[in-house]
Amino acid sequence: MDIKDIARPLDGAAISTFLQSLPTRPLLLGLGEATHRVDALPEVRNEIFRHLVEHEGYRSIALESDCLMGLIVDDYVTKGTGTLDEVMERGFSHGFGAFPGNRELVRWMRAYNEEHEEKIRFFGFDGPLEYWAASPRQALTALYDLLNDPLPCTRETLDTLLGQDDRWSNEDSAMDPSQSIGQSAEAQRLRLIADDLVALLDTQAPGLGVAERELAALYGRTATGLLRYHYWMADASPARWSRLSSLRDAMMAANLRAIAELGPALIFGHNLHLQRNKATMSFGDQTLEWFGAGAIAETHLGDRYTFLATALGTIGTEVPPPDTVEGILAALPWDRTLADARPLAEALTRPLTEALTLPLTELPLTEAHTRPIPRTSHDFAYFPLDPAHLGLIDGIVFLSEVAHRAEAGQP
């Protein structure tokens, strides 16, 4: 098999050809990031999204950013609420508002909507959390205010139980469970109230408008997810961080499923969150393992979920070894490549010199090479492709050479 039979230069035509090759059109097209620290990845994402909107009928994009903050961005791109500067400051979590590619995305979406009656929309699909978590106040009180009597408590009782927001958002509680209030009597009662409010929403949903139902459901998911996350932040067992990582991705997956109900969407987040195989990450002296949002969402969506992983060639001065997947892709003549991952995985189960028929002068291989090995990197924030998991990826977006940005986001 010639590797050029399963890879092509990345452009709009390549994206459309890839989508046409799938057994069914995805509702969620996941585009993963190998790291948050490369400006070129959001730039490529923007190009892909523009093509999807203009040629493939896509009408929304979701980023790995706070789902409640994302409402600010969506109001701007659909209604023109606020200014671009305000939106970039208040509409993104994790420092993502400072990324030039995100600013250009929001600017383009607003310009597109000013010229088209059918609007494109923006969503955040992460919860309001980092390693620590925000107060559930915004989500709980917003849900409460959208519902009618009989309510499970008064608004004053709700405010009293919530208390000061900084008790919830105490960053020290991330590493010290004794500083979390997630298992306090007040928090336990709030979990019951949140559950009652979500149940009440189901009974009152027919009396709400479409937009109100969408908002109320988001607030309900976020309130219950945050209270659950806070509960386990107070847990001191060795499984604490794997459980918290799982809960975060479960919140993401719930948001992704809701977004899928609105029509085809491009999803952009870290590969760890969007991949099908278990995520693994070193965290202090622990190795965390959990299933990410993409894997969870696929259990509900089946083949309506598609995953494109990104991979990087030369990063600064770090060049991929030739016997890694990145090294093989780096030998192709294009700066940006879209590879069909599953036939590539099948080809690479055989010795490389048998699987690929390109002359060896064109690929940096020798007869000693058998199968690709995992790439290692000195950059803790970069997660290279694991050849063992290629069969769980639908496609690979490969950038042959990139530079770091100064800011470092978290997966």
Protein backbone atom coordinates (compact mmCIF):
# COMPACT_ATOMS: atom_id res chain seq x y z
CA MET A 1 0.00 0.00 0.00
CA ASP A 2 1.27 3.43 -0.93
CA ILE A 3 0.86 5.80 1.99
CA LYS A 4 -0.29 8.45 -0.50
CA ASP A 5 -3.38 6.30 -1.08
CA ILE A 6 -4.55 7.00 2.48
CA ALA A 7 -3.27 10.54 2.97
CA ARG A 8 -3.76 13.80 1.12
CA PRO A 9 -2.96 17.48 1.59
CA LEU A 10 -5.33 19.05 4.10
CA ASP A 11 -7.85 21.35 2.44
CA GLY A 12 -11.60 21.66 2.07
CA ALA A 13 -11.78 19.02 -0.64
CA ALA A 14 -9.91 16.56 1.59
CA ILE A 15 -12.37 17.18 4.45
CA SER A 16 -15.38 16.61 2.18
CA THR A 17 -13.83 13.46 0.69
CA PHE A 18 -13.14 12.14 4.18
CA LEU A 19 -16.74 12.80 5.32
CA GLN A 20 -18.09 11.06 2.21
CA SER A 21 -15.98 7.99 2.99
CA LEU A 22 -17.67 7.47 6.37
CA PRO A 23 -20.51 4.95 6.74
CA THR A 24 -22.81 7.71 7.99
CA ARG A 25 -22.59 11.48 8.40
CA PRO A 26 -21.45 12.33 11.92
CA LEU A 27 -23.47 14.53 14.25
CA LEU A 28 -20.28 15.26 16.16
CA LEU A 29 -16.99 15.64 14.32
CA GLY A 30 -14.32 15.70 17.01
CA LEU A 31 -11.06 17.47 16.19
CA GLY A 32 -8.55 16.74 18.94
CA GLU A 33 -5.53 18.75 19.98
CA ALA A 34 -2.26 17.02 20.74
CA THR A 35 -1.50 20.03 22.95
CA HIS A 36 -3.14 23.37 23.75
CA ARG A 37 0.15 25.22 23.28
CA VAL A 38 0.30 25.54 19.48
CA ASP A 39 -1.40 28.46 17.72
CA ALA A 40 -1.42 26.61 14.40
CA LEU A 41 -4.02 24.11 15.66
CA PRO A 42 -6.81 26.68 16.25
CA GLU A 43 -5.90 28.21 12.88
CA VAL A 44 -6.38 24.87 11.13
CA ARG A 45 -9.59 24.32 13.11
CA ASN A 46 -10.93 27.65 11.86
CA GLU A 47 -10.24 26.68 8.24
CA ILE A 48 -11.96 23.33 8.71
CA PHE A 49 -14.97 24.93 10.41
CA ARG A 50 -15.41 27.53 7.68
CA HIS A 51 -15.45 24.76 5.08
CA LEU A 52 -17.92 22.70 7.11
CA VAL A 53 -20.26 25.68 7.43
CA GLU A 54 -20.04 26.78 3.82
CA HIS A 55 -20.07 23.37 2.14
CA GLU A 56 -21.22 20.64 4.56
CA GLY A 57 -24.18 22.16 6.39
CA TYR A 58 -22.56 22.48 9.83
CA ARG A 59 -24.12 25.12 12.05
CA SER A 60 -22.21 25.00 15.34
CA ILE A 61 -18.82 24.60 16.96
CA ALA A 62 -18.03 23.58 20.53
CA LEU A 63 -14.74 24.26 22.30
CA GLU A 64 -13.21 22.78 25.44
CA SER A 65 -14.16 25.85 27.44
CA ASP A 66 -16.61 26.68 30.26
CA CYS A 67 -20.14 25.87 29.05
CA LEU A 68 -21.68 28.78 30.98
CA MET A 69 -19.10 31.28 29.76
CA GLY A 70 -19.84 30.00 26.27
CA LEU A 71 -23.31 31.55 26.51
CA ILE A 72 -21.60 34.96 26.38
CA VAL A 73 -19.86 34.04 23.13
CA ASP A 74 -23.03 32.59 21.61
CA ASP A 75 -25.00 35.75 22.45
CA TYR A 76 -22.34 37.80 20.69
CA VAL A 77 -22.07 35.71 17.52
CA THR A 78 -25.85 35.24 17.15
CA LYS A 79 -27.20 38.58 18.46
CA GLY A 80 -24.24 40.97 18.58
CA THR A 81 -24.48 41.33 22.38
CA GLY A 82 -21.43 43.07 23.84
CA THR A 83 -18.11 43.77 22.14
CA LEU A 84 -15.48 41.42 20.81
CA ASP A 85 -13.00 42.49 23.50
CA GLU A 86 -15.53 41.84 26.27
CA VAL A 87 -16.43 38.46 24.85
CA MET A 88 -12.82 37.30 24.59
CA GLU A 89 -12.22 38.36 28.20
CA ARG A 90 -15.40 36.93 29.75
CA GLY A 91 -16.50 34.18 27.36
CA PHE A 92 -13.62 31.68 27.66
CA SER A 93 -12.07 29.67 30.47
CA HIS A 94 -8.52 28.29 30.82
CA GLY A 95 -7.04 31.48 29.31
CA PHE A 96 -8.31 30.48 25.85
CA GLY A 97 -9.69 33.97 25.21
CA ALA A 98 -6.11 35.16 24.70
CA PHE A 99 -5.49 32.78 21.79
CA PRO A 100 -5.45 34.63 18.43
CA GLY A 101 -7.18 31.74 16.68
CA ASN A 102 -10.13 31.89 19.08
CA ARG A 103 -10.50 35.62 18.56
CA GLU A 104 -10.50 35.14 14.79
CA LEU A 105 -13.09 32.36 15.13
CA VAL A 106 -15.48 34.57 17.09
CA ARG A 107 -14.93 37.52 14.74
CA TRP A 108 -15.65 35.36 11.67
CA MET A 109 -18.75 33.78 13.22
CA ARG A 110 -20.22 37.20 14.02
CA ALA A 111 -19.46 38.46 10.49
CA TYR A 112 -21.05 35.34 8.98
CA ASN A 113 -24.21 35.71 11.05
CA GLU A 114 -24.60 39.36 10.08
CA GLU A 115 -24.93 38.23 6.46
CA HIS A 116 -27.00 35.06 6.87
CA GLU A 117 -30.47 34.43 8.25
CA GLU A 118 -29.65 30.91 9.46
CA LYS A 119 -27.24 31.49 12.34
CA ILE A 120 -24.21 29.47 13.32
CA ARG A 121 -23.71 28.93 17.03
CA PHE A 122 -20.92 28.67 19.58
CA PHE A 123 -20.81 26.36 22.62
CA GLY A 124 -18.41 25.59 25.42
CA PHE A 125 -18.57 21.93 26.39
CA ASP A 126 -16.33 21.87 29.47
CA GLY A 127 -17.68 22.32 32.97
CA PRO A 128 -16.95 25.48 35.02
CA LEU A 129 -13.82 23.98 36.52
CA GLU A 130 -10.07 23.57 36.32
CA TYR A 131 -8.65 21.06 38.80
CA TRP A 132 -10.79 22.89 41.34
CA ALA A 133 -14.39 23.84 40.54
CA ALA A 134 -16.62 26.90 40.54
CA SER A 135 -19.53 27.51 42.84
CA PRO A 136 -22.78 25.93 41.61
CA ARG A 137 -24.56 29.24 42.31
CA GLN A 138 -24.90 30.48 38.73
CA ALA A 139 -26.30 27.23 37.39
CA LEU A 140 -28.58 26.48 40.37
CA THR A 141 -30.09 29.94 40.68
CA ALA A 142 -30.57 30.31 36.92
CA LEU A 143 -32.39 26.98 36.79
CA TYR A 144 -34.48 27.94 39.83
CA ASP A 145 -35.50 31.23 38.21
CA LEU A 146 -36.70 29.50 35.03
CA LEU A 147 -39.12 27.21 36.89
CA ASN A 148 -42.51 27.78 38.46
CA ASP A 149 -44.08 26.73 41.75
CA PRO A 150 -44.15 24.40 43.52
CA LEU A 151 -40.37 24.76 44.05
CA PRO A 152 -38.44 22.60 46.55
CA CYS A 153 -37.24 25.58 48.64
CA THR A 154 -37.30 29.36 48.75
CA ARG A 155 -34.75 31.44 46.90
CA GLU A 156 -33.51 32.73 50.28
CA THR A 157 -32.89 29.16 51.48
CA LEU A 158 -30.99 28.43 48.28
CA ASP A 159 -28.77 31.48 48.76
CA THR A 160 -28.14 30.59 52.41
CA LEU A 161 -27.12 27.03 51.57
CA LEU A 162 -24.79 28.24 48.82
CA GLY A 163 -23.04 30.73 51.11
CA GLN A 164 -19.95 32.53 49.87
CA ASP A 165 -18.74 31.48 46.44
CA ASP A 166 -15.08 31.50 47.46
CA ARG A 167 -15.77 28.57 49.79
CA TRP A 168 -16.51 26.49 46.69
CA SER A 169 -13.82 27.87 44.38
CA ASN A 170 -10.98 27.53 46.90
CA GLU A 171 -8.06 26.44 44.71
CA ASP A 172 -6.30 24.79 47.66
CA SER A 173 -9.08 22.21 47.80
CA ALA A 174 -7.74 20.71 44.58
CA MET A 175 -4.76 19.21 46.38
CA ASP A 176 -6.19 19.14 49.92
CA PRO A 177 -9.59 17.38 50.15
CA SER A 178 -10.02 18.57 53.75
CA GLN A 179 -10.49 22.10 52.40
CA SER A 180 -13.41 21.10 50.16
CA ILE A 181 -16.97 21.75 51.36
CA GLY A 182 -18.39 19.25 48.89
CA GLN A 183 -19.50 16.78 51.55
CA SER A 184 -20.83 19.33 54.04
CA ALA A 185 -24.45 19.16 55.20
CA GLU A 186 -25.25 22.23 53.07
CA ALA A 187 -23.72 20.69 49.96
CA GLN A 188 -25.57 17.42 50.53
CA ARG A 189 -28.87 19.26 50.77
CA LEU A 190 -28.06 21.27 47.65
CA ARG A 191 -27.55 18.01 45.73
CA LEU A 192 -31.07 16.95 46.67
CA ILE A 193 -32.49 20.34 45.71
CA ALA A 194 -30.66 20.24 42.36
CA ASP A 195 -32.08 16.79 41.70
CA ASP A 196 -35.58 18.04 42.52
CA LEU A 197 -35.16 21.04 40.22
CA VAL A 198 -34.04 18.85 37.31
CA ALA A 199 -37.03 16.57 37.87
CA LEU A 200 -39.28 19.62 38.03
CA LEU A 201 -37.84 20.82 34.72
CA ASP A 202 -39.01 17.60 33.06
CA THR A 203 -42.56 18.21 34.28
CA GLN A 204 -42.59 21.88 33.23
CA ALA A 205 -40.66 21.58 29.95
CA PRO A 206 -43.81 21.66 27.75
CA GLY A 207 -44.59 25.14 29.08
CA LEU A 208 -41.17 26.54 28.23
CA GLY A 209 -39.97 27.87 24.91
CA VAL A 210 -37.30 26.06 22.93
CA ALA A 211 -34.52 28.45 24.00
CA GLU A 212 -35.65 28.30 27.64
CA ARG A 213 -35.63 24.50 27.60
CA GLU A 214 -32.14 24.45 26.14
CA LEU A 215 -30.86 26.86 28.78
CA ALA A 216 -32.63 25.13 31.66
CA ALA A 217 -31.24 21.75 30.64
CA LEU A 218 -27.72 23.22 30.49
CA TYR A 219 -28.12 24.76 33.94
CA GLY A 220 -29.46 21.49 35.32
CA ARG A 221 -26.58 19.42 33.89
CA THR A 222 -24.06 21.92 35.17
CA ALA A 223 -25.52 22.27 38.67
CA THR A 224 -25.75 18.53 39.29
CA GLY A 225 -22.35 17.92 37.69
CA LEU A 226 -20.63 20.58 39.79
CA LEU A 227 -22.17 19.36 43.05
CA ARG A 228 -21.12 15.80 42.22
CA TYR A 229 -17.60 17.00 41.40
CA HIS A 230 -17.38 18.97 44.65
CA TYR A 231 -18.55 15.92 46.61
CA TRP A 232 -15.65 13.86 45.30
CA MET A 233 -13.18 16.71 45.77
CA ALA A 234 -13.72 16.10 49.49
CA ASP A 235 -12.80 12.44 49.07
CA ALA A 236 -9.35 11.44 50.36
CA SER A 237 -9.08 8.00 48.75
CA PRO A 238 -6.31 7.08 46.25
CA ALA A 239 -8.91 6.96 43.47
CA ARG A 240 -9.81 10.63 43.96
CA TRP A 241 -8.15 12.11 40.89
CA SER A 242 -9.12 9.38 38.47
CA ARG A 243 -12.71 9.76 39.67
CA LEU A 244 -12.59 13.56 39.29
CA SER A 245 -11.14 13.23 35.79
CA SER A 246 -13.95 10.83 34.88
CA LEU A 247 -16.61 13.14 36.30
CA ARG A 248 -15.27 16.10 34.36
CA ASP A 249 -15.42 14.15 31.11
CA ALA A 250 -18.88 12.86 31.94
CA MET A 251 -19.99 16.50 32.22
CA MET A 252 -18.37 17.21 28.87
CA ALA A 253 -20.07 14.20 27.28
CA ALA A 254 -23.49 15.28 28.54
CA ASN A 255 -22.95 18.68 26.94
CA LEU A 256 -21.81 17.06 23.69
CA ARG A 257 -24.93 14.91 23.51
CA ALA A 258 -27.11 17.99 23.95
CA ILE A 259 -25.16 19.80 21.20
CA ALA A 260 -25.58 16.79 18.89
CA GLU A 261 -29.36 17.08 19.24
CA LEU A 262 -29.15 20.49 17.54
CA GLY A 263 -27.47 19.17 14.39
CA PRO A 264 -23.95 18.50 13.06
CA ALA A 265 -21.22 20.23 15.07
CA LEU A 266 -17.44 20.46 15.04
CA ILE A 267 -16.00 19.69 18.48
CA PHE A 268 -12.54 20.99 19.37
CA GLY A 269 -10.71 19.86 22.50
CA HIS A 270 -7.69 17.93 23.68
CA ASN A 271 -7.11 14.49 22.15
CA LEU A 272 -7.34 13.01 25.66
CA HIS A 273 -10.95 14.20 25.96
CA LEU A 274 -12.08 13.22 22.45
CA GLN A 275 -10.29 9.90 21.85
CA ARG A 276 -12.02 6.52 22.12
CA ASN A 277 -9.36 4.67 24.12
CA LYS A 278 -8.77 5.30 27.82
CA ALA A 279 -6.89 8.49 28.60
CA THR A 280 -3.75 8.19 30.70
CA MET A 281 -1.86 11.04 32.28
CA SER A 282 0.90 11.36 34.86
CA PHE A 283 -0.22 13.42 37.84
CA GLY A 284 2.39 13.76 40.57
CA ASP A 285 3.29 10.22 41.62
CA GLN A 286 0.09 8.80 40.12
CA THR A 287 -0.91 7.66 36.65
CA LEU A 288 -4.53 8.59 36.03
CA GLU A 289 -6.76 6.52 33.76
CA TRP A 290 -10.27 7.37 32.62
CA PHE A 291 -12.56 7.35 29.60
CA GLY A 292 -12.89 10.75 27.94
CA ALA A 293 -15.94 12.62 26.71
CA GLY A 294 -15.64 11.29 23.17
CA ALA A 295 -15.61 7.68 24.31
CA ILE A 296 -18.62 8.31 26.56
CA ALA A 297 -20.54 10.21 23.88
CA GLU A 298 -19.92 7.46 21.34
CA THR A 299 -21.69 4.92 23.56
CA HIS A 300 -24.84 6.96 22.86
CA LEU A 301 -24.15 8.20 19.32
CA GLY A 302 -22.43 5.18 17.78
CA ASP A 303 -21.07 5.94 14.31
CA ARG A 304 -22.60 9.40 14.44
CA TYR A 305 -19.42 10.31 16.38
CA THR A 306 -16.21 10.71 14.38
CA PHE A 307 -12.77 11.48 15.78
CA LEU A 308 -9.93 13.27 14.02
CA ALA A 309 -6.78 13.37 16.13
CA THR A 310 -4.11 15.97 15.51
CA ALA A 311 -0.44 15.08 15.48
CA LEU A 312 2.66 17.21 15.15
CA GLY A 313 5.95 16.73 13.37
CA THR A 314 8.80 19.02 14.32
CA ILE A 315 7.93 21.01 17.45
CA GLY A 316 10.43 23.82 17.85
CA THR A 317 13.69 21.88 17.62
CA GLU A 318 12.23 18.47 18.53
CA VAL A 319 12.11 16.27 15.40
CA PRO A 320 10.04 13.05 15.39
CA PRO A 321 12.08 9.85 15.03
CA PRO A 322 11.52 8.22 11.61
CA ASP A 323 10.09 5.01 13.10
CA THR A 324 7.18 6.78 14.82
CA VAL A 325 3.81 7.51 13.22
CA GLU A 326 4.70 11.21 13.30
CA GLY A 327 8.03 10.46 11.61
CA ILE A 328 6.31 8.50 8.84
CA LEU A 329 3.78 11.28 8.23
CA ALA A 330 6.55 13.89 8.33
CA ALA A 331 8.11 12.23 5.27
CA LEU A 332 5.10 13.19 3.17
CA PRO A 333 5.54 16.27 0.97
CA TRP A 334 2.79 18.41 2.55
CA ASP A 335 2.92 20.89 5.41
CA ARG A 336 -0.58 19.84 6.47
CA THR A 337 -1.93 16.36 5.90
CA LEU A 338 -5.21 14.52 6.40
CA ALA A 339 -4.65 10.79 6.80
CA ASP A 340 -7.30 8.07 6.98
CA ALA A 341 -6.21 6.44 10.24
CA ARG A 342 -7.83 2.99 10.02
CA PRO A 343 -6.27 1.80 6.76
CA LEU A 344 -3.01 3.36 7.98
CA ALA A 345 -3.29 1.29 11.17
CA GLU A 346 -3.93 -1.83 9.11
CA ALA A 347 -0.94 -1.14 6.89
CA LEU A 348 1.35 -0.57 9.84
CA THR A 349 0.54 -3.94 11.40
CA ARG A 350 3.00 -5.30 8.82
CA PRO A 351 6.67 -4.34 8.64
CA LEU A 352 6.94 -0.78 7.40
CA THR A 353 9.07 -1.74 4.42
CA GLU A 354 6.33 -4.16 3.31
CA ALA A 355 3.35 -1.96 4.17
CA LEU A 356 4.49 1.12 2.29
CA THR A 357 5.53 0.95 -1.34
CA LEU A 358 7.08 4.39 -1.59
CA PRO A 359 10.76 4.13 -2.52
CA LEU A 360 12.91 4.09 0.62
CA THR A 361 14.66 7.17 -0.65
CA GLU A 362 11.36 9.00 -0.07
CA LEU A 363 10.74 7.60 3.42
CA PRO A 364 13.31 7.71 6.22
CA LEU A 365 13.15 3.93 6.72
CA THR A 366 15.62 1.06 6.53
CA GLU A 367 15.14 -2.69 6.41
CA ALA A 368 15.67 -2.68 10.21
CA HIS A 369 12.39 -0.87 10.77
CA THR A 370 9.47 -3.13 11.59
CA ARG A 371 6.46 -1.43 13.15
CA PRO A 372 6.23 2.13 14.43
CA ILE A 373 7.12 2.83 18.04
CA PRO A 374 5.50 5.45 20.30
CA ARG A 375 7.08 8.86 20.13
CA THR A 376 8.43 10.31 23.36
CA SER A 377 8.64 14.01 24.09
CA HIS A 378 10.30 16.19 26.70
CA ASP A 379 7.20 18.41 26.61
CA PHE A 380 4.78 17.21 29.32
CA ALA A 381 1.90 19.08 27.63
CA TYR A 382 2.30 17.29 24.29
CA PHE A 383 0.69 13.86 23.88
CA PRO A 384 2.09 11.99 20.84
CA LEU A 385 0.10 9.36 18.94
CA ASP A 386 0.22 5.83 20.28
CA PRO A 387 0.53 3.42 17.32
CA ALA A 388 -1.41 0.80 19.29
CA HIS A 389 -4.51 3.01 19.21
CA LEU A 390 -4.49 4.07 15.55
CA GLY A 391 -7.40 1.73 14.83
CA LEU A 392 -9.56 3.72 17.27
CA ILE A 393 -9.01 6.97 15.35
CA ASP A 394 -10.94 7.85 12.20
CA GLY A 395 -8.47 10.36 10.79
CA ILE A 396 -5.28 12.24 11.58
CA VAL A 397 -4.72 15.93 10.94
CA PHE A 398 -0.93 16.23 10.79
CA LEU A 399 1.10 19.45 10.89
CA SER A 400 4.70 18.90 9.81
CA GLU A 401 6.24 21.77 11.76
CA VAL A 402 4.93 24.06 14.52
CA ALA A 403 6.12 26.46 17.19
CA HIS A 404 5.02 26.67 20.82
CA ARG A 405 3.08 29.58 22.28
CA ALA A 406 4.11 30.98 25.66
CA GLU A 407 0.89 30.11 27.53
CA ALA A 408 0.34 26.53 28.65
CA GLY A 409 -3.22 25.28 28.94
CA GLN A 410 -4.26 22.12 30.78
CA PRO A 411 -5.75 19.09 29.03
